[in-house]
Amino acid sequence: LVDQVIDQLRHTIASGEWPVGRRIPNETVLVESLGVGRNTVRGAVRALAHAGLLDVRQGDGTYVRATSEVSGALRRLCGAELREV
C-alpha cells in the first residue's frame, strides 16, 4: 500500500500539480484524500524524502524539493560539493 501511495505522490509531483518549492498538503489532508492510514502516508513521505523529492521541515511542513529522483540526487550532490569548498 505504501508503494501505491508513493506512486500517487510521485505522479502528483512529476505532473507539476505540486511544483518545486511548494508545501504539500498536511498529513491529515493526505490521509483523507488518499483513503489510507497515517502510517502509510508517513512511510510514503519518508521514502520520497529519502529519494530527494521531498524536504521535511519539522514544525513547518513538507516541501517539494525535486520532480524526479535524478534531479533530487543532483541537488544533493551539488550541495555536498558546495559544502566541501
PDB file of N, CA and C in Angstrom:
ATOM      1  N   LEU A   1       0.825  -1.201   0.000  1.00  0.00           N
ATOM      2  CA  LEU A   1       0.000   0.000   0.000  1.00  0.00           C
ATOM      3  C   LEU A   1       0.868   1.263   0.000  1.00  0.00           C
ATOM      4  N   VAL A   2       1.975   1.213   0.743  1.00  0.00           N
ATOM      5  CA  VAL A   2       2.888   2.358   0.763  1.00  0.00           C
ATOM      6  C   VAL A   2       3.414   2.627  -0.640  1.00  0.00           C
ATOM      7  N   ASP A   3       3.746   1.573  -1.376  1.00  0.00           N
ATOM      8  CA  ASP A   3       4.260   1.749  -2.741  1.00  0.00           C
ATOM      9  C   ASP A   3       3.236   2.429  -3.645  1.00  0.00           C
ATOM     10  N   GLN A   4       1.968   2.107  -3.462  1.00  0.00           N
ATOM     11  CA  GLN A   4       0.919   2.749  -4.265  1.00  0.00           C
ATOM     12  C   GLN A   4       0.826   4.238  -3.948  1.00  0.00           C
ATOM     13  N   VAL A   5       0.927   4.576  -2.675  1.00  0.00           N
ATOM     14  CA  VAL A   5       0.876   5.986  -2.276  1.00  0.00           C
ATOM     15  C   VAL A   5       2.119   6.712  -2.783  1.00  0.00           C
ATOM     16  N   ILE A   6       3.271   6.067  -2.716  1.00  0.00           N
ATOM     17  CA  ILE A   6       4.495   6.661  -3.271  1.00  0.00           C
ATOM     18  C   ILE A   6       4.282   6.981  -4.744  1.00  0.00           C
ATOM     19  N   ASP A   7       3.732   6.031  -5.486  1.00  0.00           N
ATOM     20  CA  ASP A   7       3.485   6.255  -6.917  1.00  0.00           C
ATOM     21  C   ASP A   7       2.515   7.409  -7.144  1.00  0.00           C
ATOM     22  N   GLN A   8       1.465   7.488  -6.333  1.00  0.00           N
ATOM     23  CA  GLN A   8       0.489   8.576  -6.479  1.00  0.00           C
ATOM     24  C   GLN A   8       1.134   9.932  -6.197  1.00  0.00           C
ATOM     25  N   LEU A   9       1.896  10.011  -5.119  1.00  0.00           N
ATOM     26  CA  LEU A   9       2.544  11.275  -4.767  1.00  0.00           C
ATOM     27  C   LEU A   9       3.611  11.645  -5.797  1.00  0.00           C
ATOM     28  N   ARG A  10       4.354  10.653  -6.248  1.00  0.00           N
ATOM     29  CA  ARG A  10       5.379  10.896  -7.276  1.00  0.00           C
ATOM     30  C   ARG A  10       4.733  11.445  -8.550  1.00  0.00           C
ATOM     31  N   HIS A  11       3.589  10.890  -8.933  1.00  0.00           N
ATOM     32  CA  HIS A  11       2.875  11.367 -10.122  1.00  0.00           C
ATOM     33  C   HIS A  11       2.400  12.808  -9.923  1.00  0.00           C
ATOM     34  N   THR A  12       1.887  13.105  -8.746  1.00  0.00           N
ATOM     35  CA  THR A  12       1.418  14.467  -8.453  1.00  0.00           C
ATOM     36  C   THR A  12       2.569  15.463  -8.560  1.00  0.00           C
ATOM     37  N   ILE A  13       3.738  15.073  -8.095  1.00  0.00           N
ATOM     38  CA  ILE A  13       4.918  15.939  -8.175  1.00  0.00           C
ATOM     39  C   ILE A  13       5.385  16.069  -9.621  1.00  0.00           C
ATOM     40  N   ALA A  14       5.522  14.937 -10.315  1.00  0.00           N
ATOM     41  CA  ALA A  14       6.031  14.948 -11.696  1.00  0.00           C
ATOM     42  C   ALA A  14       5.107  15.693 -12.648  1.00  0.00           C
ATOM     43  N   SER A  15       3.809  15.662 -12.373  1.00  0.00           N
ATOM     44  CA  SER A  15       2.848  16.330 -13.257  1.00  0.00           C
ATOM     45  C   SER A  15       2.872  17.848 -13.098  1.00  0.00           C
ATOM     46  N   GLY A  16       3.521  18.318 -12.044  1.00  0.00           N
ATOM     47  CA  GLY A  16       3.579  19.754 -11.804  1.00  0.00           C
ATOM     48  C   GLY A  16       2.455  20.276 -10.934  1.00  0.00           C
ATOM     49  N   GLU A  17       1.570  19.374 -10.514  1.00  0.00           N
ATOM     50  CA  GLU A  17       0.479  19.797  -9.626  1.00  0.00           C
ATOM     51  C   GLU A  17       1.052  20.366  -8.326  1.00  0.00           C
ATOM     52  N   TRP A  18       2.145  19.757  -7.864  1.00  0.00           N
ATOM     53  CA  TRP A  18       2.901  20.286  -6.733  1.00  0.00           C
ATOM     54  C   TRP A  18       4.270  20.685  -7.263  1.00  0.00           C
ATOM     55  N   PRO A  19       4.486  21.951  -7.596  1.00  0.00           N
ATOM     56  CA  PRO A  19       5.776  22.376  -8.148  1.00  0.00           C
ATOM     57  C   PRO A  19       6.877  22.422  -7.083  1.00  0.00           C
ATOM     58  N   VAL A  20       8.114  22.454  -7.535  1.00  0.00           N
ATOM     59  CA  VAL A  20       9.264  22.551  -6.635  1.00  0.00           C
ATOM     60  C   VAL A  20       9.111  23.799  -5.769  1.00  0.00           C
ATOM     61  N   GLY A  21       9.347  23.625  -4.484  1.00  0.00           N
ATOM     62  CA  GLY A  21       9.244  24.723  -3.534  1.00  0.00           C
ATOM     63  C   GLY A  21       7.896  24.829  -2.852  1.00  0.00           C
ATOM     64  N   ARG A  22       6.919  24.129  -3.367  1.00  0.00           N
ATOM     65  CA  ARG A  22       5.573  24.210  -2.787  1.00  0.00           C
ATOM     66  C   ARG A  22       5.447  23.294  -1.575  1.00  0.00           C
ATOM     67  N   ARG A  23       4.728  23.768  -0.599  1.00  0.00           N
ATOM     68  CA  ARG A  23       4.413  22.955   0.573  1.00  0.00           C
ATOM     69  C   ARG A  23       3.280  22.021   0.191  1.00  0.00           C
ATOM     70  N   ILE A  24       3.439  20.733   0.482  1.00  0.00           N
ATOM     71  CA  ILE A  24       2.396  19.771   0.136  1.00  0.00           C
ATOM     72  C   ILE A  24       1.330  19.783   1.231  1.00  0.00           C
ATOM     73  N   PRO A  25       0.154  19.235   0.954  1.00  0.00           N
ATOM     74  CA  PRO A  25      -0.895  19.184   1.985  1.00  0.00           C
ATOM     75  C   PRO A  25      -0.403  18.445   3.231  1.00  0.00           C
ATOM     76  N   ASN A  26      -0.958  18.811   4.368  1.00  0.00           N
ATOM     77  CA  ASN A  26      -0.519  18.167   5.603  1.00  0.00           C
ATOM     78  C   ASN A  26      -0.990  16.713   5.656  1.00  0.00           C
ATOM     79  N   GLU A  27      -0.478  16.014   6.637  1.00  0.00           N
ATOM     80  CA  GLU A  27      -0.737  14.578   6.773  1.00  0.00           C
ATOM     81  C   GLU A  27      -2.228  14.249   6.840  1.00  0.00           C
ATOM     82  N   THR A  28      -2.982  15.022   7.600  1.00  0.00           N
ATOM     83  CA  THR A  28      -4.418  14.769   7.748  1.00  0.00           C
ATOM     84  C   THR A  28      -5.130  14.864   6.407  1.00  0.00           C
ATOM     85  N   VAL A  29      -4.804  15.870   5.625  1.00  0.00           N
ATOM     86  CA  VAL A  29      -5.416  16.048   4.303  1.00  0.00           C
ATOM     87  C   VAL A  29      -5.036  14.888   3.389  1.00  0.00           C
ATOM     88  N   LEU A  30      -3.772  14.477   3.411  1.00  0.00           N
ATOM     89  CA  LEU A  30      -3.335  13.358   2.566  1.00  0.00           C
ATOM     90  C   LEU A  30      -4.032  12.061   2.969  1.00  0.00           C
ATOM     91  N   VAL A  31      -4.166  11.825   4.269  1.00  0.00           N
ATOM     92  CA  VAL A  31      -4.861  10.622   4.755  1.00  0.00           C
ATOM     93  C   VAL A  31      -6.284  10.587   4.212  1.00  0.00           C
ATOM     94  N   GLU A  32      -6.980  11.717   4.302  1.00  0.00           N
ATOM     95  CA  GLU A  32      -8.370  11.776   3.839  1.00  0.00           C
ATOM     96  C   GLU A  32      -8.471  11.664   2.321  1.00  0.00           C
ATOM     97  N   SER A  33      -7.614  12.372   1.604  1.00  0.00           N
ATOM     98  CA  SER A  33      -7.726  12.382   0.141  1.00  0.00           C
ATOM     99  C   SER A  33      -7.279  11.067  -0.491  1.00  0.00           C
ATOM    100  N   LEU A  34      -6.323  10.385   0.142  1.00  0.00           N
ATOM    101  CA  LEU A  34      -5.827   9.126  -0.416  1.00  0.00           C
ATOM    102  C   LEU A  34      -6.565   7.909   0.140  1.00  0.00           C
ATOM    103  N   GLY A  35      -7.293   8.098   1.233  1.00  0.00           N
ATOM    104  CA  GLY A  35      -8.047   6.998   1.820  1.00  0.00           C
ATOM    105  C   GLY A  35      -7.180   5.924   2.442  1.00  0.00           C
ATOM    106  N   VAL A  36      -6.063   6.347   3.039  1.00  0.00           N
ATOM    107  CA  VAL A  36      -5.147   5.402   3.688  1.00  0.00           C
ATOM    108  C   VAL A  36      -4.861   5.891   5.102  1.00  0.00           C
ATOM    109  N   GLY A  37      -4.146   5.079   5.860  1.00  0.00           N
ATOM    110  CA  GLY A  37      -3.817   5.439   7.235  1.00  0.00           C
ATOM    111  C   GLY A  37      -2.613   6.359   7.339  1.00  0.00           C
ATOM    112  N   ARG A  38      -2.457   6.930   8.531  1.00  0.00           N
ATOM    113  CA  ARG A  38      -1.339   7.845   8.796  1.00  0.00           C
ATOM    114  C   ARG A  38       0.019   7.188   8.569  1.00  0.00           C
ATOM    115  N   ASN A  39       0.160   5.950   9.028  1.00  0.00           N
ATOM    116  CA  ASN A  39       1.451   5.276   8.879  1.00  0.00           C
ATOM    117  C   ASN A  39       1.807   5.065   7.412  1.00  0.00           C
ATOM    118  N   THR A  40       0.804   4.828   6.583  1.00  0.00           N
ATOM    119  CA  THR A  40       1.045   4.661   5.149  1.00  0.00           C
ATOM    120  C   THR A  40       1.529   5.972   4.546  1.00  0.00           C
ATOM    121  N   VAL A  41       0.866   7.072   4.891  1.00  0.00           N
ATOM    122  CA  VAL A  41       1.281   8.390   4.388  1.00  0.00           C
ATOM    123  C   VAL A  41       2.679   8.720   4.891  1.00  0.00           C
ATOM    124  N   ARG A  42       2.930   8.479   6.166  1.00  0.00           N
ATOM    125  CA  ARG A  42       4.254   8.771   6.734  1.00  0.00           C
ATOM    126  C   ARG A  42       5.346   7.973   6.039  1.00  0.00           C
ATOM    127  N   GLY A  43       5.072   6.699   5.772  1.00  0.00           N
ATOM    128  CA  GLY A  43       6.055   5.865   5.087  1.00  0.00           C
ATOM    129  C   GLY A  43       6.343   6.358   3.681  1.00  0.00           C
ATOM    130  N   ALA A  44       5.300   6.769   2.971  1.00  0.00           N
ATOM    131  CA  ALA A  44       5.475   7.267   1.604  1.00  0.00           C
ATOM    132  C   ALA A  44       6.245   8.581   1.598  1.00  0.00           C
ATOM    133  N   VAL A  45       5.896   9.481   2.499  1.00  0.00           N
ATOM    134  CA  VAL A  45       6.600  10.770   2.582  1.00  0.00           C
ATOM    135  C   VAL A  45       8.062  10.545   2.960  1.00  0.00           C
ATOM    136  N   ARG A  46       8.310   9.654   3.898  1.00  0.00           N
ATOM    137  CA  ARG A  46       9.683   9.337   4.307  1.00  0.00           C
ATOM    138  C   ARG A  46      10.487   8.794   3.131  1.00  0.00           C
ATOM    139  N   ALA A  47       9.883   7.892   2.367  1.00  0.00           N
ATOM    140  CA  ALA A  47      10.578   7.309   1.214  1.00  0.00           C
ATOM    141  C   ALA A  47      10.887   8.370   0.161  1.00  0.00           C
ATOM    142  N   LEU A  48       9.934   9.261  -0.098  1.00  0.00           N
ATOM    143  CA  LEU A  48      10.156  10.307  -1.100  1.00  0.00           C
ATOM    144  C   LEU A  48      11.155  11.348  -0.606  1.00  0.00           C
ATOM    145  N   ALA A  49      11.202  11.577   0.688  1.00  0.00           N
ATOM    146  CA  ALA A  49      12.219  12.478   1.242  1.00  0.00           C
ATOM    147  C   ALA A  49      13.598  11.842   1.093  1.00  0.00           C
ATOM    148  N   HIS A  50      13.684  10.548   1.369  1.00  0.00           N
ATOM    149  CA  HIS A  50      14.953   9.833   1.217  1.00  0.00           C
ATOM    150  C   HIS A  50      15.414   9.831  -0.243  1.00  0.00           C
ATOM    151  N   ALA A  51      14.458   9.777  -1.172  1.00  0.00           N
ATOM    152  CA  ALA A  51      14.779   9.785  -2.603  1.00  0.00           C
ATOM    153  C   ALA A  51      15.127  11.187  -3.105  1.00  0.00           C
ATOM    154  N   GLY A  52      14.932  12.198  -2.256  1.00  0.00           N
ATOM    155  CA  GLY A  52      15.286  13.560  -2.637  1.00  0.00           C
ATOM    156  C   GLY A  52      14.168  14.366  -3.266  1.00  0.00           C
ATOM    157  N   LEU A  53      12.953  13.818  -3.309  1.00  0.00           N
ATOM    158  CA  LEU A  53      11.836  14.548  -3.908  1.00  0.00           C
ATOM    159  C   LEU A  53      11.170  15.500  -2.928  1.00  0.00           C
ATOM    160  N   LEU A  54      11.183  15.156  -1.647  1.00  0.00           N
ATOM    161  CA  LEU A  54      10.533  15.987  -0.636  1.00  0.00           C
ATOM    162  C   LEU A  54      11.540  16.418   0.419  1.00  0.00           C
ATOM    163  N   ASP A  55      11.256  17.546   1.042  1.00  0.00           N
ATOM    164  CA  ASP A  55      12.067  18.079   2.127  1.00  0.00           C
ATOM    165  C   ASP A  55      11.147  18.253   3.328  1.00  0.00           C
ATOM    166  N   VAL A  56      11.359  17.449   4.360  1.00  0.00           N
ATOM    167  CA  VAL A  56      10.527  17.509   5.560  1.00  0.00           C
ATOM    168  C   VAL A  56      11.177  18.485   6.536  1.00  0.00           C
ATOM    169  N   ARG A  57      10.441  19.531   6.885  1.00  0.00           N
ATOM    170  CA  ARG A  57      10.939  20.551   7.818  1.00  0.00           C
ATOM    171  C   ARG A  57      10.095  20.488   9.085  1.00  0.00           C
ATOM    172  N   GLN A  58      10.695  19.998  10.149  1.00  0.00           N
ATOM    173  CA  GLN A  58       9.978  19.837  11.415  1.00  0.00           C
ATOM    174  C   GLN A  58       9.335  21.152  11.837  1.00  0.00           C
ATOM    175  N   GLY A  59       8.054  21.109  12.138  1.00  0.00           N
ATOM    176  CA  GLY A  59       7.331  22.275  12.601  1.00  0.00           C
ATOM    177  C   GLY A  59       6.909  23.236  11.507  1.00  0.00           C
ATOM    178  N   ASP A  60       7.300  22.964  10.266  1.00  0.00           N
ATOM    179  CA  ASP A  60       6.985  23.876   9.165  1.00  0.00           C
ATOM    180  C   ASP A  60       6.180  23.204   8.065  1.00  0.00           C
ATOM    181  N   GLY A  61       6.423  21.929   7.824  1.00  0.00           N
ATOM    182  CA  GLY A  61       5.712  21.215   6.770  1.00  0.00           C
ATOM    183  C   GLY A  61       6.667  20.465   5.866  1.00  0.00           C
ATOM    184  N   THR A  62       6.114  19.913   4.808  1.00  0.00           N
ATOM    185  CA  THR A  62       6.893  19.151   3.838  1.00  0.00           C
ATOM    186  C   THR A  62       6.791  19.847   2.497  1.00  0.00           C
ATOM    187  N   TYR A  63       7.935  20.034   1.865  1.00  0.00           N
ATOM    188  CA  TYR A  63       8.015  20.794   0.621  1.00  0.00           C
ATOM    189  C   TYR A  63       8.576  19.935  -0.505  1.00  0.00           C
ATOM    190  N   VAL A  64       8.146  20.249  -1.727  1.00  0.00           N
ATOM    191  CA  VAL A  64       8.681  19.562  -2.899  1.00  0.00           C
ATOM    192  C   VAL A  64      10.090  20.091  -3.136  1.00  0.00           C
ATOM    193  N   ARG A  65      11.026  19.166  -3.208  1.00  0.00           N
ATOM    194  CA  ARG A  65      12.430  19.528  -3.404  1.00  0.00           C
ATOM    195  C   ARG A  65      12.862  19.319  -4.848  1.00  0.00           C
ATOM    196  N   ALA A  66      12.310  18.303  -5.509  1.00  0.00           N
ATOM    197  CA  ALA A  66      12.691  17.971  -6.883  1.00  0.00           C
ATOM    198  C   ALA A  66      11.545  17.211  -7.537  1.00  0.00           C
ATOM    199  N   THR A  67      11.554  17.173  -8.871  1.00  0.00           N
ATOM    200  CA  THR A  67      10.480  16.489  -9.593  1.00  0.00           C
ATOM    201  C   THR A  67      10.819  15.051  -9.941  1.00  0.00           C
ATOM    202  N   SER A  68      12.063  14.656  -9.755  1.00  0.00           N
ATOM    203  CA  SER A  68      12.452  13.268 -10.019  1.00  0.00           C
ATOM    204  C   SER A  68      13.625  12.898  -9.123  1.00  0.00           C
ATOM    205  N   GLU A  69      13.875  11.604  -8.996  1.00  0.00           N
ATOM    206  CA  GLU A  69      14.995  11.142  -8.188  1.00  0.00           C
ATOM    207  C   GLU A  69      16.317  11.649  -8.743  1.00  0.00           C
ATOM    208  N   VAL A  70      16.412  11.762 -10.067  1.00  0.00           N
ATOM    209  CA  VAL A  70      17.657  12.222 -10.693  1.00  0.00           C
ATOM    210  C   VAL A  70      17.947  13.664 -10.289  1.00  0.00           C
ATOM    211  N   SER A  71      16.950  14.527 -10.410  1.00  0.00           N
ATOM    212  CA  SER A  71      17.188  15.925 -10.045  1.00  0.00           C
ATOM    213  C   SER A  71      17.411  16.058  -8.542  1.00  0.00           C
ATOM    214  N   GLY A  72      16.754  15.218  -7.754  1.00  0.00           N
ATOM    215  CA  GLY A  72      16.983  15.229  -6.312  1.00  0.00           C
ATOM    216  C   GLY A  72      18.405  14.817  -5.971  1.00  0.00           C
ATOM    217  N   ALA A  73      18.905  13.785  -6.649  1.00  0.00           N
ATOM    218  CA  ALA A  73      20.278  13.332  -6.420  1.00  0.00           C
ATOM    219  C   ALA A  73      21.276  14.405  -6.840  1.00  0.00           C
ATOM    220  N   LEU A  74      21.016  15.063  -7.962  1.00  0.00           N
ATOM    221  CA  LEU A  74      21.908  16.132  -8.415  1.00  0.00           C
ATOM    222  C   LEU A  74      21.928  17.290  -7.421  1.00  0.00           C
ATOM    223  N   ARG A  75      20.771  17.637  -6.879  1.00  0.00           N
ATOM    224  CA  ARG A  75      20.719  18.721  -5.886  1.00  0.00           C
ATOM    225  C   ARG A  75      21.533  18.352  -4.649  1.00  0.00           C
ATOM    226  N   ARG A  76      21.397  17.112  -4.185  1.00  0.00           N
ATOM    227  CA  ARG A  76      22.162  16.684  -3.010  1.00  0.00           C
ATOM    228  C   ARG A  76      23.648  16.684  -3.315  1.00  0.00           C
ATOM    229  N   LEU A  77      24.028  16.199  -4.498  1.00  0.00           N
ATOM    230  CA  LEU A  77      25.434  16.136  -4.884  1.00  0.00           C
ATOM    231  C   LEU A  77      26.032  17.531  -4.980  1.00  0.00           C
ATOM    232  N   CYS A  78      25.338  18.430  -5.631  1.00  0.00           N
ATOM    233  CA  CYS A  78      25.834  19.806  -5.768  1.00  0.00           C
ATOM    234  C   CYS A  78      25.935  20.475  -4.407  1.00  0.00           C
ATOM    235  N   GLY A  79      24.981  20.220  -3.548  1.00  0.00           N
ATOM    236  CA  GLY A  79      25.030  20.784  -2.199  1.00  0.00           C
ATOM    237  C   GLY A  79      26.216  20.259  -1.417  1.00  0.00           C
ATOM    238  N   ALA A  80      26.512  18.974  -1.559  1.00  0.00           N
ATOM    239  CA  ALA A  80      27.660  18.379  -0.872  1.00  0.00           C
ATOM    240  C   ALA A  80      28.957  18.975  -1.390  1.00  0.00           C
ATOM    241  N   GLU A  81      29.045  19.177  -2.700  1.00  0.00           N
ATOM    242  CA  GLU A  81      30.258  19.753  -3.277  1.00  0.00           C
ATOM    243  C   GLU A  81      30.447  21.185  -2.807  1.00  0.00           C
ATOM    244  N   LEU A  82      29.362  21.941  -2.697  1.00  0.00           N
ATOM    245  CA  LEU A  82      29.465  23.322  -2.238  1.00  0.00           C
ATOM    246  C   LEU A  82      29.920  23.389  -0.784  1.00  0.00           C
ATOM    247  N   ARG A  83      29.474  22.447   0.034  1.00  0.00           N
ATOM    248  CA  ARG A  83      29.883  22.440   1.439  1.00  0.00           C
ATOM    249  C   ARG A  83      31.361  22.111   1.587  1.00  0.00           C
ATOM    250  N   GLU A  84      31.919  21.345   0.640  1.00  0.00           N
ATOM    251  CA  GLU A  84      33.324  20.965   0.718  1.00  0.00           C
ATOM    252  C   GLU A  84      34.253  22.100   0.327  1.00  0.00           C
ATOM    253  N   VAL A  85      33.755  23.050  -0.439  1.00  0.00           N
ATOM    254  CA  VAL A  85      34.600  24.142  -0.938  1.00  0.00           C
ATOM    255  C   VAL A  85      34.899  25.139   0.148  1.00  0.00           C
TER     256      VAL A  85
END
